[in-house]
N, C-alpha and C. Protein backbone atom coordinates (compact mmCIF):
# COMPACT_ATOMS: atom_id res chain seq x y z
N UNK A 1 -57.09 83.75 -66.28
CA UNK A 1 -56.73 83.44 -64.85
C UNK A 1 -55.56 84.13 -64.36
N UNK A 2 -55.38 84.75 -63.22
CA UNK A 2 -54.44 85.77 -62.83
C UNK A 2 -53.39 84.52 -61.92
N UNK A 3 -52.25 85.19 -62.05
CA UNK A 3 -51.12 84.17 -61.41
C UNK A 3 -50.73 85.24 -60.10
N UNK A 4 -50.62 84.52 -58.90
CA UNK A 4 -50.11 85.22 -57.70
C UNK A 4 -48.68 85.48 -57.74
N UNK A 5 -48.48 86.80 -57.60
CA UNK A 5 -47.13 87.45 -57.44
C UNK A 5 -46.45 86.60 -56.28
N UNK A 6 -46.80 87.20 -55.17
CA UNK A 6 -46.23 86.93 -53.94
C UNK A 6 -47.05 85.91 -53.10
N UNK A 7 -46.44 85.13 -52.20
CA UNK A 7 -47.29 84.31 -51.16
C UNK A 7 -47.38 84.92 -49.79
N UNK A 8 -48.11 85.91 -49.80
CA UNK A 8 -48.20 86.65 -48.45
C UNK A 8 -48.57 85.90 -47.20
N UNK A 9 -49.37 84.96 -47.53
CA UNK A 9 -49.78 83.87 -46.26
C UNK A 9 -48.73 83.27 -45.71
N UNK A 10 -47.69 82.66 -46.33
CA UNK A 10 -46.61 82.01 -45.44
C UNK A 10 -45.73 82.97 -44.90
N UNK A 11 -45.56 84.18 -45.57
CA UNK A 11 -44.69 85.10 -44.90
C UNK A 11 -45.56 85.73 -43.57
N UNK A 12 -46.65 85.99 -43.68
CA UNK A 12 -47.42 86.60 -42.57
C UNK A 12 -47.52 85.45 -41.39
N UNK A 13 -47.75 84.29 -41.90
CA UNK A 13 -47.52 83.29 -40.64
C UNK A 13 -46.20 83.04 -39.99
N UNK A 14 -45.06 83.21 -40.94
CA UNK A 14 -43.76 83.34 -40.28
C UNK A 14 -43.51 84.41 -39.49
N UNK A 15 -44.14 85.67 -39.85
CA UNK A 15 -43.72 86.88 -39.02
C UNK A 15 -44.61 86.89 -37.85
N UNK A 16 -45.71 86.35 -37.86
CA UNK A 16 -46.44 86.02 -36.61
C UNK A 16 -45.80 85.13 -35.68
N UNK A 17 -45.49 84.03 -36.20
CA UNK A 17 -44.59 82.94 -35.34
C UNK A 17 -43.33 83.72 -34.91
N UNK A 18 -42.61 84.55 -35.54
CA UNK A 18 -41.70 84.99 -34.98
C UNK A 18 -42.03 85.87 -33.88
N UNK A 19 -42.81 86.87 -34.09
CA UNK A 19 -43.07 87.82 -33.04
C UNK A 19 -43.90 86.97 -31.65
N UNK A 20 -44.54 85.97 -31.91
CA UNK A 20 -45.11 85.03 -30.84
C UNK A 20 -43.73 84.31 -29.99
N UNK A 21 -42.85 84.06 -30.79
CA UNK A 21 -41.61 83.45 -29.90
C UNK A 21 -40.75 84.67 -29.06
N UNK A 22 -40.74 85.83 -29.64
CA UNK A 22 -40.21 86.92 -28.94
C UNK A 22 -40.88 87.29 -27.94
N UNK A 23 -42.24 87.38 -27.89
CA UNK A 23 -43.16 87.87 -26.83
C UNK A 23 -43.11 86.55 -25.65
N UNK A 24 -42.95 85.25 -25.95
CA UNK A 24 -43.06 84.28 -25.10
C UNK A 24 -41.60 84.25 -24.39
N UNK A 25 -40.44 84.34 -25.11
CA UNK A 25 -39.26 84.35 -24.59
C UNK A 25 -39.06 85.59 -23.59
N UNK A 26 -39.62 86.70 -24.09
CA UNK A 26 -39.33 87.90 -23.16
C UNK A 26 -40.38 87.59 -21.74
N UNK A 27 -41.35 86.93 -21.78
CA UNK A 27 -42.33 86.82 -20.76
C UNK A 27 -41.63 85.84 -19.67
N UNK A 28 -40.89 84.87 -20.51
CA UNK A 28 -39.90 83.86 -19.46
C UNK A 28 -38.94 84.58 -18.70
N UNK A 29 -38.21 85.51 -19.63
CA UNK A 29 -37.15 86.02 -19.02
C UNK A 29 -37.52 87.15 -18.07
N UNK A 30 -38.68 87.83 -17.91
CA UNK A 30 -39.20 88.73 -16.98
C UNK A 30 -39.62 87.83 -15.94
N UNK A 31 -40.35 86.82 -16.23
CA UNK A 31 -40.85 85.86 -14.80
C UNK A 31 -39.52 85.36 -13.98
N UNK A 32 -38.64 84.77 -14.80
CA UNK A 32 -37.49 84.26 -14.35
C UNK A 32 -36.61 85.44 -13.46
N UNK A 33 -36.55 86.73 -13.76
CA UNK A 33 -35.83 87.83 -13.20
C UNK A 33 -36.62 88.02 -12.02
N UNK A 34 -37.81 88.24 -12.11
CA UNK A 34 -38.69 88.50 -10.96
C UNK A 34 -38.46 87.49 -9.89
N UNK A 35 -38.54 86.11 -10.38
CA UNK A 35 -38.36 84.96 -9.26
C UNK A 35 -37.07 85.29 -8.61
N UNK A 36 -36.00 85.27 -9.33
CA UNK A 36 -34.62 85.47 -8.81
C UNK A 36 -34.54 86.85 -7.97
N UNK A 37 -34.95 87.87 -8.30
CA UNK A 37 -35.07 89.00 -7.48
C UNK A 37 -35.67 88.65 -6.22
N UNK A 38 -36.80 87.99 -6.23
CA UNK A 38 -37.60 87.76 -5.04
C UNK A 38 -36.79 86.77 -4.11
N UNK A 39 -36.19 85.90 -4.62
CA UNK A 39 -35.20 84.97 -3.96
C UNK A 39 -34.06 85.74 -3.43
N UNK A 40 -33.44 86.63 -3.95
CA UNK A 40 -32.23 87.24 -3.82
C UNK A 40 -32.45 88.26 -2.72
N UNK A 41 -33.79 88.88 -2.66
CA UNK A 41 -34.00 89.91 -1.54
C UNK A 41 -34.17 89.50 -0.25
N UNK A 42 -34.94 88.12 -0.40
CA UNK A 42 -34.77 87.49 1.01
C UNK A 42 -33.70 86.99 1.87
N UNK A 43 -32.76 86.89 0.92
CA UNK A 43 -31.28 86.50 1.63
C UNK A 43 -30.89 87.81 2.12
N UNK A 44 -31.09 88.93 1.37
CA UNK A 44 -30.30 90.28 1.76
C UNK A 44 -30.87 90.84 2.85
N UNK A 45 -32.24 90.48 3.36
CA UNK A 45 -32.59 91.20 4.59
C UNK A 45 -31.97 90.97 5.82
N UNK A 46 -31.09 89.91 6.01
CA UNK A 46 -30.45 89.73 7.22
C UNK A 46 -29.42 90.66 7.36
N UNK A 47 -28.62 91.00 6.08
CA UNK A 47 -27.64 91.93 6.32
C UNK A 47 -27.93 93.33 6.33
N UNK A 48 -29.33 93.73 5.81
CA UNK A 48 -30.00 95.01 6.02
C UNK A 48 -30.26 95.09 7.33
N UNK A 49 -30.81 94.17 8.07
CA UNK A 49 -31.27 94.34 9.40
C UNK A 49 -30.11 94.49 10.30
N UNK A 50 -29.04 93.83 10.12
CA UNK A 50 -27.92 93.95 10.87
C UNK A 50 -27.28 95.44 10.69
N UNK A 51 -27.37 96.09 9.52
CA UNK A 51 -26.92 97.29 9.24
C UNK A 51 -27.71 98.32 9.74
N UNK A 52 -29.05 98.18 9.91
CA UNK A 52 -29.91 99.20 10.30
C UNK A 52 -29.71 99.12 11.87
N UNK A 53 -29.64 97.96 12.41
CA UNK A 53 -29.48 97.93 13.94
C UNK A 53 -28.23 98.58 14.59
N UNK A 54 -27.03 98.38 13.69
CA UNK A 54 -25.77 99.01 13.73
C UNK A 54 -25.83 100.32 13.85
N UNK A 55 -26.68 100.89 12.81
CA UNK A 55 -26.57 102.44 12.71
C UNK A 55 -27.45 102.96 13.60
N UNK A 56 -28.71 102.27 14.27
CA UNK A 56 -29.23 102.77 15.46
C UNK A 56 -28.68 102.65 16.61
N UNK A 57 -27.79 101.66 16.98
CA UNK A 57 -26.99 101.75 18.01
C UNK A 57 -25.98 102.82 17.99
N UNK A 58 -25.44 103.13 16.76
CA UNK A 58 -24.39 104.39 16.83
C UNK A 58 -25.02 105.61 17.11
N UNK A 59 -26.31 105.78 16.52
CA UNK A 59 -26.96 107.20 16.86
C UNK A 59 -27.40 107.08 18.20
N UNK A 60 -27.84 106.03 18.81
CA UNK A 60 -28.25 106.15 20.34
C UNK A 60 -26.98 106.52 21.14
N UNK A 61 -25.85 106.01 20.79
CA UNK A 61 -24.77 106.35 21.64
C UNK A 61 -24.40 107.83 21.51
N UNK A 62 -24.40 108.35 20.41
CA UNK A 62 -23.93 109.61 20.22
C UNK A 62 -24.82 110.88 20.41
N UNK A 63 -26.29 110.62 20.60
CA UNK A 63 -27.25 111.46 20.84
C UNK A 63 -27.48 111.64 22.49
N UNK A 64 -27.47 113.10 22.91
CA UNK A 64 -27.67 113.05 24.32
C UNK A 64 -29.06 113.69 24.49
N UNK A 65 -29.40 112.95 25.54
CA UNK A 65 -30.94 113.44 26.02
C UNK A 65 -31.22 114.76 26.35
N UNK A 66 -32.41 115.36 25.79
CA UNK A 66 -32.79 116.58 25.84
C UNK A 66 -33.13 116.90 27.44
N UNK A 67 -32.83 118.15 28.00
CA UNK A 67 -33.27 118.63 29.18
C UNK A 67 -34.55 119.51 29.07
N UNK A 68 -35.67 119.07 29.45
CA UNK A 68 -36.83 119.71 29.11
C UNK A 68 -37.27 120.65 30.34
N UNK A 69 -36.25 120.43 31.38
CA UNK A 69 -36.75 121.41 32.57
C UNK A 69 -36.34 122.75 32.35
N UNK A 70 -35.00 122.92 31.78
CA UNK A 70 -34.64 124.29 31.41
C UNK A 70 -35.43 125.14 30.58
N UNK A 71 -36.29 124.31 29.73
CA UNK A 71 -36.95 125.21 28.43
C UNK A 71 -38.15 125.89 29.15
N UNK A 72 -38.34 126.89 28.49
CA UNK A 72 -39.40 128.01 29.06
C UNK A 72 -40.72 127.49 28.78
N UNK A 73 -41.72 127.70 29.62
CA UNK A 73 -43.07 127.08 29.60
C UNK A 73 -43.79 128.19 28.42
N UNK A 74 -45.13 127.52 27.68
CA UNK A 74 -45.77 128.00 27.15
C UNK A 74 -46.97 128.88 27.81
N UNK A 75 -47.10 130.16 28.15
CA UNK A 75 -47.92 130.67 29.07
C UNK A 75 -48.92 131.47 28.13
N UNK A 76 -48.86 131.53 26.97
CA UNK A 76 -49.68 132.28 25.96
C UNK A 76 -51.22 131.50 26.27
N UNK A 77 -52.37 132.37 26.14
CA UNK A 77 -53.44 131.82 26.17
C UNK A 77 -54.26 131.68 24.56
N UNK A 78 -54.60 130.53 24.38
CA UNK A 78 -55.27 130.30 22.77
C UNK A 78 -56.62 130.06 23.13
N UNK A 79 -57.44 130.72 22.22
CA UNK A 79 -58.89 130.63 22.10
C UNK A 79 -59.23 128.91 21.87
N UNK A 80 -60.65 128.82 22.38
CA UNK A 80 -60.90 127.36 22.28
C UNK A 80 -61.68 127.49 21.02
N UNK A 81 -60.93 126.28 20.07
CA UNK A 81 -61.59 126.23 18.68
C UNK A 81 -62.90 125.40 18.52
N UNK A 82 -63.45 124.60 19.76
CA UNK A 82 -64.22 123.91 19.51
C UNK A 82 -65.62 124.64 19.51
N UNK A 83 -66.55 124.41 18.91
CA UNK A 83 -67.87 124.90 19.16
C UNK A 83 -69.06 124.24 20.00
N UNK A 84 -69.65 125.09 20.78
CA UNK A 84 -70.57 124.71 21.65
C UNK A 84 -72.07 124.79 21.21
N UNK A 85 -72.77 123.80 20.99
CA UNK A 85 -74.17 123.98 20.42
C UNK A 85 -75.04 123.67 21.70
C-alpha cells in the first residue's frame, strides 16, 4: 500500500477559495466605484452647465457679426451633376 506524500486536495480547495474571495472582492469594489462615480457625476453636471453657459456668453460678446454684403458673389457656372433618364 502506497502512502500519499502530499494532500493536494486541501491545498487545491484553499487556493480556489482564495481566488474566489479575491474575485468577489474585486467585483464588489468595481461595482461600488461605478455607483459612486455615477452619483458623483450627476452632482457635477450643474457646475459644468454653468461653466459652459459662461463660456458661451463670453464668446458671444467678443465675436463680431460677419458682413456678408461686402463679400463677392460666386458667378462661376457649375455643371449639373444629376443624370436625366
